[in-house]
């Protein structure tokens, strides 16, 4: 079993639209959306939820009034000013660090696990999908990403599927690290701008650090062909494979509005031929066809 993770240095580069197009082209695969902070792959795939599970990602403090002596040590130690002068914890300010509980001489602090979001196993017209939704303002997105990737691996193994196609989050933070660790290969989607070049460099450096092979796709390349050439030179310098260029085309947006992939929206379009060619190049690349390629244990 192999896993391709589609990522980008910033949001809005078109990685979800591209992932959905790959879902329409791939065979014997499972889909996973690890952009849990702003999941949107489901908007294009219209999944039917089969299972819903709560995500317990942390705890919040609560002071037990009848046990509290009013010594004030908790308010003194709380670095987030989450405890009022009358010893009531503001749940929106509490970071769940547990310092108040650890140092309370009366053991008057309750520390209950809390629901931070939900994760789902679903079916779509292109196969199974594992996805999640983190609650507003909640943390531990990396933990939730690791959880749904493990579930995706389990379901793929159980169903005898050969490939997991993952729509990853943007950036280089904790959820990205949790999304790419142990993947077979990455596809970095980049736009032809100076900031796009810098974003790609940061993501490429992250991939190098974790020793994960990466490929690059330039989206909307014709908006700045000079910068697209600069990006290709940078990928060559870093010994990364550029799998293709996609021109700017409003058809992507029109397909999105209809809740369709670009493959479904206009199967005969030149754009579909371009995306299909990129997918074939990815699937036949050495990175995805090496026999020793496998999904490694996910970092906790």
Protein backbone atom coordinates (compact mmCIF):
# COMPACT_ATOMS: atom_id res chain seq x y z
CA UNK A 1 0.00 0.00 0.00
CA UNK A 2 1.25 3.47 -0.89
CA UNK A 3 0.17 6.96 0.11
CA UNK A 4 0.36 10.16 -1.92
CA UNK A 5 -0.14 13.36 0.09
CA UNK A 6 -1.03 16.54 -1.81
CA UNK A 7 0.21 19.61 0.05
CA UNK A 8 1.04 23.27 -0.50
CA UNK A 9 2.87 26.05 1.30
CA UNK A 10 -0.33 28.11 1.61
CA UNK A 11 -4.06 27.75 1.20
CA UNK A 12 -5.83 28.45 -2.09
CA UNK A 13 -3.29 26.93 -4.47
CA UNK A 14 -5.81 24.43 -5.85
CA UNK A 15 -4.61 21.29 -4.08
CA UNK A 16 -8.11 20.17 -3.04
CA UNK A 17 -9.49 20.56 -6.57
CA UNK A 18 -6.49 18.61 -7.85
CA UNK A 19 -6.90 15.90 -5.19
CA UNK A 20 -10.57 15.53 -6.13
CA UNK A 21 -9.58 15.20 -9.80
CA UNK A 22 -7.09 12.48 -8.86
CA UNK A 23 -9.88 10.74 -6.94
CA UNK A 24 -11.88 10.59 -10.17
CA UNK A 25 -8.91 9.16 -12.07
CA UNK A 26 -7.44 6.73 -9.54
CA UNK A 27 -8.33 3.07 -9.13
CA UNK A 28 -8.30 0.73 -6.14
CA UNK A 29 -7.80 3.61 -3.73
CA UNK A 30 -9.03 5.28 -0.54
CA UNK A 31 -9.28 9.02 0.07
CA UNK A 32 -8.27 10.91 3.19
CA UNK A 33 -8.67 14.60 4.06
CA UNK A 34 -6.19 15.67 6.73
CA UNK A 35 -6.89 19.40 6.44
CA UNK A 36 -8.95 19.10 9.64
CA UNK A 37 -8.85 22.82 10.48
CA UNK A 38 -10.58 23.76 7.21
CA UNK A 39 -11.70 20.53 5.56
CA UNK A 40 -13.32 21.03 2.15
CA UNK A 41 -12.71 17.89 0.09
CA UNK A 42 -16.18 16.72 1.14
CA UNK A 43 -17.70 19.72 -0.68
CA UNK A 44 -16.63 18.20 -4.01
CA UNK A 45 -17.15 14.53 -3.16
CA UNK A 46 -20.52 14.75 -1.34
CA UNK A 47 -19.77 11.83 1.01
CA UNK A 48 -22.38 9.66 2.67
CA UNK A 49 -21.26 9.32 6.28
CA UNK A 50 -21.18 5.71 7.46
CA UNK A 51 -19.59 6.18 10.89
CA UNK A 52 -19.17 9.23 13.13
CA UNK A 53 -16.75 9.28 16.06
CA UNK A 54 -15.98 11.92 18.69
CA UNK A 55 -12.42 13.21 18.89
CA UNK A 56 -11.27 13.64 22.48
CA UNK A 57 -8.22 15.83 22.13
CA UNK A 58 -7.56 17.36 25.54
CA UNK A 59 -8.97 18.44 28.88
CA UNK A 60 -10.28 21.60 30.54
CA UNK A 61 -9.84 22.53 34.17
CA UNK A 62 -12.77 23.12 36.52
CA UNK A 63 -12.42 24.11 40.17
CA UNK A 64 -14.55 22.17 42.66
CA UNK A 65 -15.92 24.96 44.87
CA UNK A 66 -16.59 22.86 47.96
CA UNK A 67 -12.99 21.58 48.02
CA UNK A 68 -11.31 24.92 47.23
CA UNK A 69 -9.65 26.73 50.16
CA UNK A 70 -9.23 29.97 48.21
CA UNK A 71 -5.44 30.04 48.56
CA UNK A 72 -5.06 31.70 45.15
CA UNK A 73 -2.12 29.57 44.01
CA UNK A 74 -3.94 28.50 40.84
CA UNK A 75 -4.60 32.08 39.73
CA UNK A 76 -0.99 32.95 40.43
CA UNK A 77 0.37 30.04 38.40
CA UNK A 78 -2.04 30.19 35.43
CA UNK A 79 -0.14 31.78 32.55
CA UNK A 80 -3.33 32.19 30.51
CA UNK A 81 -5.30 34.22 33.07
CA UNK A 82 -8.08 31.64 32.76
CA UNK A 83 -9.03 31.63 36.46
CA UNK A 84 -11.04 34.52 37.90
CA UNK A 85 -10.60 36.05 41.35
CA UNK A 86 -13.54 34.00 42.61
CA UNK A 87 -11.85 30.80 41.30
CA UNK A 88 -13.97 30.06 38.26
CA UNK A 89 -12.23 28.74 35.15
CA UNK A 90 -13.06 30.38 31.81
CA UNK A 91 -13.13 27.39 29.39
CA UNK A 92 -12.43 29.63 26.40
CA UNK A 93 -9.16 30.79 28.00
CA UNK A 94 -8.05 27.50 29.57
CA UNK A 95 -5.31 25.82 27.51
CA UNK A 96 -5.53 22.52 29.38
CA UNK A 97 -1.92 22.62 30.55
CA UNK A 98 -2.79 21.11 33.95
CA UNK A 99 -0.55 23.34 36.08
CA UNK A 100 -3.44 24.34 38.36
CA UNK A 101 -4.29 20.72 39.02
CA UNK A 102 -0.67 19.68 39.59
CA UNK A 103 -0.01 22.35 42.24
CA UNK A 104 -3.39 22.67 43.97
CA UNK A 105 -2.75 21.77 47.65
CA UNK A 106 -6.41 20.80 48.15
CA UNK A 107 -6.68 18.72 44.93
CA UNK A 108 -9.72 20.84 44.13
CA UNK A 109 -9.22 20.99 40.34
CA UNK A 110 -11.14 18.60 38.12
CA UNK A 111 -9.63 17.87 34.73
CA UNK A 112 -12.17 16.27 32.44
CA UNK A 113 -11.45 15.16 28.85
CA UNK A 114 -13.35 17.21 26.28
CA UNK A 115 -14.68 16.68 22.80
CA UNK A 116 -12.61 18.72 20.33
CA UNK A 117 -14.16 17.56 17.08
CA UNK A 118 -15.42 14.60 15.09
CA UNK A 119 -14.02 12.20 12.51
CA UNK A 120 -15.91 10.23 9.89
CA UNK A 121 -15.73 7.16 7.71
CA UNK A 122 -17.73 7.80 4.54
CA UNK A 123 -18.41 6.53 1.07
CA UNK A 124 -18.22 8.66 -2.07
CA UNK A 125 -18.78 8.11 -5.78
CA UNK A 126 -15.00 7.64 -6.03
CA UNK A 127 -14.50 5.28 -3.10
CA UNK A 128 -14.10 5.41 0.68
CA UNK A 129 -13.20 8.68 2.41
CA UNK A 130 -11.85 9.25 5.91
CA UNK A 131 -12.19 12.84 7.06
CA UNK A 132 -12.63 14.97 10.16
CA UNK A 133 -13.79 18.30 11.53
CA UNK A 134 -11.96 20.06 14.34
CA UNK A 135 -14.10 22.23 16.61
CA UNK A 136 -13.90 26.02 16.35
CA UNK A 137 -10.88 27.31 18.26
CA UNK A 138 -9.85 23.81 19.31
CA UNK A 139 -6.30 22.51 19.30
CA UNK A 140 -4.54 19.17 18.86
CA UNK A 141 -5.10 19.14 15.09
CA UNK A 142 -1.92 17.08 14.70
CA UNK A 143 -3.31 14.39 16.98
CA UNK A 144 -6.56 14.29 14.99
CA UNK A 145 -4.61 14.05 11.71
CA UNK A 146 -2.61 11.09 13.03
CA UNK A 147 -5.82 9.41 14.16
CA UNK A 148 -7.58 9.61 10.79
CA UNK A 149 -4.45 8.59 8.87
CA UNK A 150 -4.21 5.47 11.00
CA UNK A 151 -7.89 4.79 10.34
CA UNK A 152 -7.36 5.31 6.60
CA UNK A 153 -4.49 2.82 6.64
CA UNK A 154 -6.58 0.31 8.57
CA UNK A 155 -9.52 0.57 6.15
CA UNK A 156 -7.25 0.37 3.10
CA UNK A 157 -5.55 -2.76 4.42
CA UNK A 158 -8.91 -4.28 5.37
CA UNK A 159 -10.31 -3.64 1.89
CA UNK A 160 -7.16 -4.65 0.00
CA UNK A 161 -6.70 -1.20 -1.53
CA UNK A 162 -3.34 -0.29 -3.02
CA UNK A 163 -3.30 3.49 -2.66
CA UNK A 164 -4.31 6.26 -0.28
CA UNK A 165 -4.72 9.72 -1.82
CA UNK A 166 -4.55 12.33 0.92
CA UNK A 167 -5.56 15.99 0.73
CA UNK A 168 -3.11 17.57 3.17
CA UNK A 169 -3.25 20.91 5.01
CA UNK A 170 -1.30 23.98 3.86
CA UNK A 171 1.83 25.32 5.51
CA UNK A 172 4.59 23.57 7.45
CA UNK A 173 3.08 23.31 10.96
CA UNK A 174 2.08 20.43 13.21
CA UNK A 175 -0.87 19.15 11.13
CA UNK A 176 1.33 19.11 8.01
CA UNK A 177 4.05 17.14 9.79
CA UNK A 178 1.41 14.69 11.05
CA UNK A 179 0.03 14.41 7.49
CA UNK A 180 3.27 13.64 5.68
CA UNK A 181 5.25 11.52 8.15
CA UNK A 182 5.75 8.07 6.65
CA UNK A 183 4.01 8.87 3.34
CA UNK A 184 5.29 7.26 0.14
CA UNK A 185 5.51 10.57 -1.74
CA UNK A 186 4.32 14.17 -1.67
CA UNK A 187 2.91 16.36 -4.40
CA UNK A 188 3.62 20.03 -3.72
CA UNK A 189 1.17 22.34 -5.52
CA UNK A 190 2.65 25.78 -6.12
CA UNK A 191 1.51 29.03 -7.75
CA UNK A 192 3.90 31.10 -9.93
CA UNK A 193 4.52 33.99 -7.54
CA UNK A 194 7.47 35.03 -5.39
CA UNK A 195 5.59 34.04 -2.25
CA UNK A 196 4.63 30.76 -3.95
CA UNK A 197 8.31 30.05 -4.61
CA UNK A 198 9.18 30.73 -0.97
CA UNK A 199 6.30 28.56 0.24
CA UNK A 200 7.45 25.71 -1.99
CA UNK A 201 10.98 26.04 -0.66
CA UNK A 202 9.76 25.75 2.93
CA UNK A 203 7.62 22.70 2.18
CA UNK A 204 10.42 21.09 0.16
CA UNK A 205 12.78 21.63 3.09
CA UNK A 206 10.26 19.99 5.42
CA UNK A 207 10.03 17.00 3.08
CA UNK A 208 13.83 16.78 2.93
CA UNK A 209 14.04 16.88 6.73
CA UNK A 210 11.68 13.93 7.06
CA UNK A 211 13.28 12.15 4.09
CA UNK A 212 10.03 11.98 2.10
CA UNK A 213 10.37 12.14 -1.71
CA UNK A 214 8.44 14.99 -3.31
CA UNK A 215 7.15 16.08 -6.70
CA UNK A 216 5.99 19.53 -7.79
CA UNK A 217 3.02 20.72 -9.84
CA UNK A 218 2.74 24.35 -10.94
CA UNK A 219 -0.87 25.52 -10.99
CA UNK A 220 -1.98 28.60 -13.02
CA UNK A 221 1.49 28.61 -14.55
CA UNK A 222 0.51 30.90 -17.43
CA UNK A 223 -0.29 33.82 -15.10
CA UNK A 224 3.47 34.30 -14.72
CA UNK A 225 5.47 32.07 -17.04
CA UNK A 226 8.76 33.69 -16.05
CA UNK A 227 8.20 32.78 -12.39
CA UNK A 228 7.06 29.30 -13.43
CA UNK A 229 10.45 28.83 -15.09
CA UNK A 230 12.20 30.07 -11.93
CA UNK A 231 10.25 27.53 -9.88
CA UNK A 232 11.24 24.73 -12.26
CA UNK A 233 14.89 25.73 -11.95
CA UNK A 234 14.53 25.60 -8.18
CA UNK A 235 12.97 22.14 -8.33
CA UNK A 236 15.87 20.96 -10.50
CA UNK A 237 18.34 22.42 -8.02
CA UNK A 238 16.63 20.51 -5.23
CA UNK A 239 16.45 17.36 -7.37
CA UNK A 240 12.65 17.37 -7.27
CA UNK A 241 10.53 16.11 -10.15
CA UNK A 242 8.16 18.62 -11.80
CA UNK A 243 5.21 16.51 -12.95
CA UNK A 244 3.44 19.21 -14.92
CA UNK A 245 2.02 22.68 -15.41
CA UNK A 246 -1.69 23.48 -15.21
CA UNK A 247 -2.95 26.64 -16.93
CA UNK A 248 -5.36 29.05 -15.28
CA UNK A 249 -8.90 28.08 -16.23
CA UNK A 250 -12.19 29.33 -14.69
CA UNK A 251 -13.60 25.85 -15.41
CA UNK A 252 -12.08 24.75 -12.10
CA UNK A 253 -14.23 27.30 -10.29
CA UNK A 254 -17.36 26.45 -12.28
CA UNK A 255 -16.86 22.77 -11.49
CA UNK A 256 -16.40 23.61 -7.82
CA UNK A 257 -19.64 25.60 -7.74
CA UNK A 258 -21.47 22.57 -9.20
CA UNK A 259 -19.86 20.27 -6.64
CA UNK A 260 -18.03 18.34 -9.33
CA UNK A 261 -14.44 17.50 -10.13
CA UNK A 262 -12.93 18.99 -13.27
CA UNK A 263 -12.92 15.46 -14.74
CA UNK A 264 -16.72 15.24 -14.41
CA UNK A 265 -17.45 18.84 -15.37
CA UNK A 266 -16.03 18.70 -18.90
CA UNK A 267 -14.45 15.32 -19.73
CA UNK A 268 -13.44 16.40 -23.23
CA UNK A 269 -11.62 19.60 -22.21
CA UNK A 270 -7.91 20.09 -22.81
CA UNK A 271 -7.58 20.82 -19.10
CA UNK A 272 -8.77 17.30 -18.27
CA UNK A 273 -6.13 15.86 -20.59
CA UNK A 274 -3.49 17.94 -18.77
CA UNK A 275 -4.60 16.80 -15.30
CA UNK A 276 -4.86 13.18 -16.47
CA UNK A 277 -1.34 13.36 -17.87
CA UNK A 278 -0.05 14.68 -14.54
CA UNK A 279 -1.81 11.87 -12.67
CA UNK A 280 -0.35 9.23 -15.01
CA UNK A 281 3.10 10.75 -14.54
CA UNK A 282 2.71 10.58 -10.75
CA UNK A 283 1.45 6.98 -10.73
CA UNK A 284 4.21 5.77 -13.06
CA UNK A 285 6.99 7.74 -11.38
CA UNK A 286 9.81 5.91 -9.68
CA UNK A 287 8.71 7.39 -6.35
CA UNK A 288 5.36 5.59 -6.52
CA UNK A 289 6.45 2.36 -8.20
CA UNK A 290 9.40 1.35 -6.03
CA UNK A 291 8.63 -2.04 -4.53
CA UNK A 292 10.13 -1.04 -1.20
CA UNK A 293 7.90 2.03 -0.93
CA UNK A 294 5.56 1.66 2.02
CA UNK A 295 3.71 3.63 4.66
CA UNK A 296 5.85 3.95 7.76
CA UNK A 297 4.50 4.25 11.32
CA UNK A 298 2.96 7.68 11.89
CA UNK A 299 4.72 9.94 14.37
CA UNK A 300 2.62 10.38 17.51
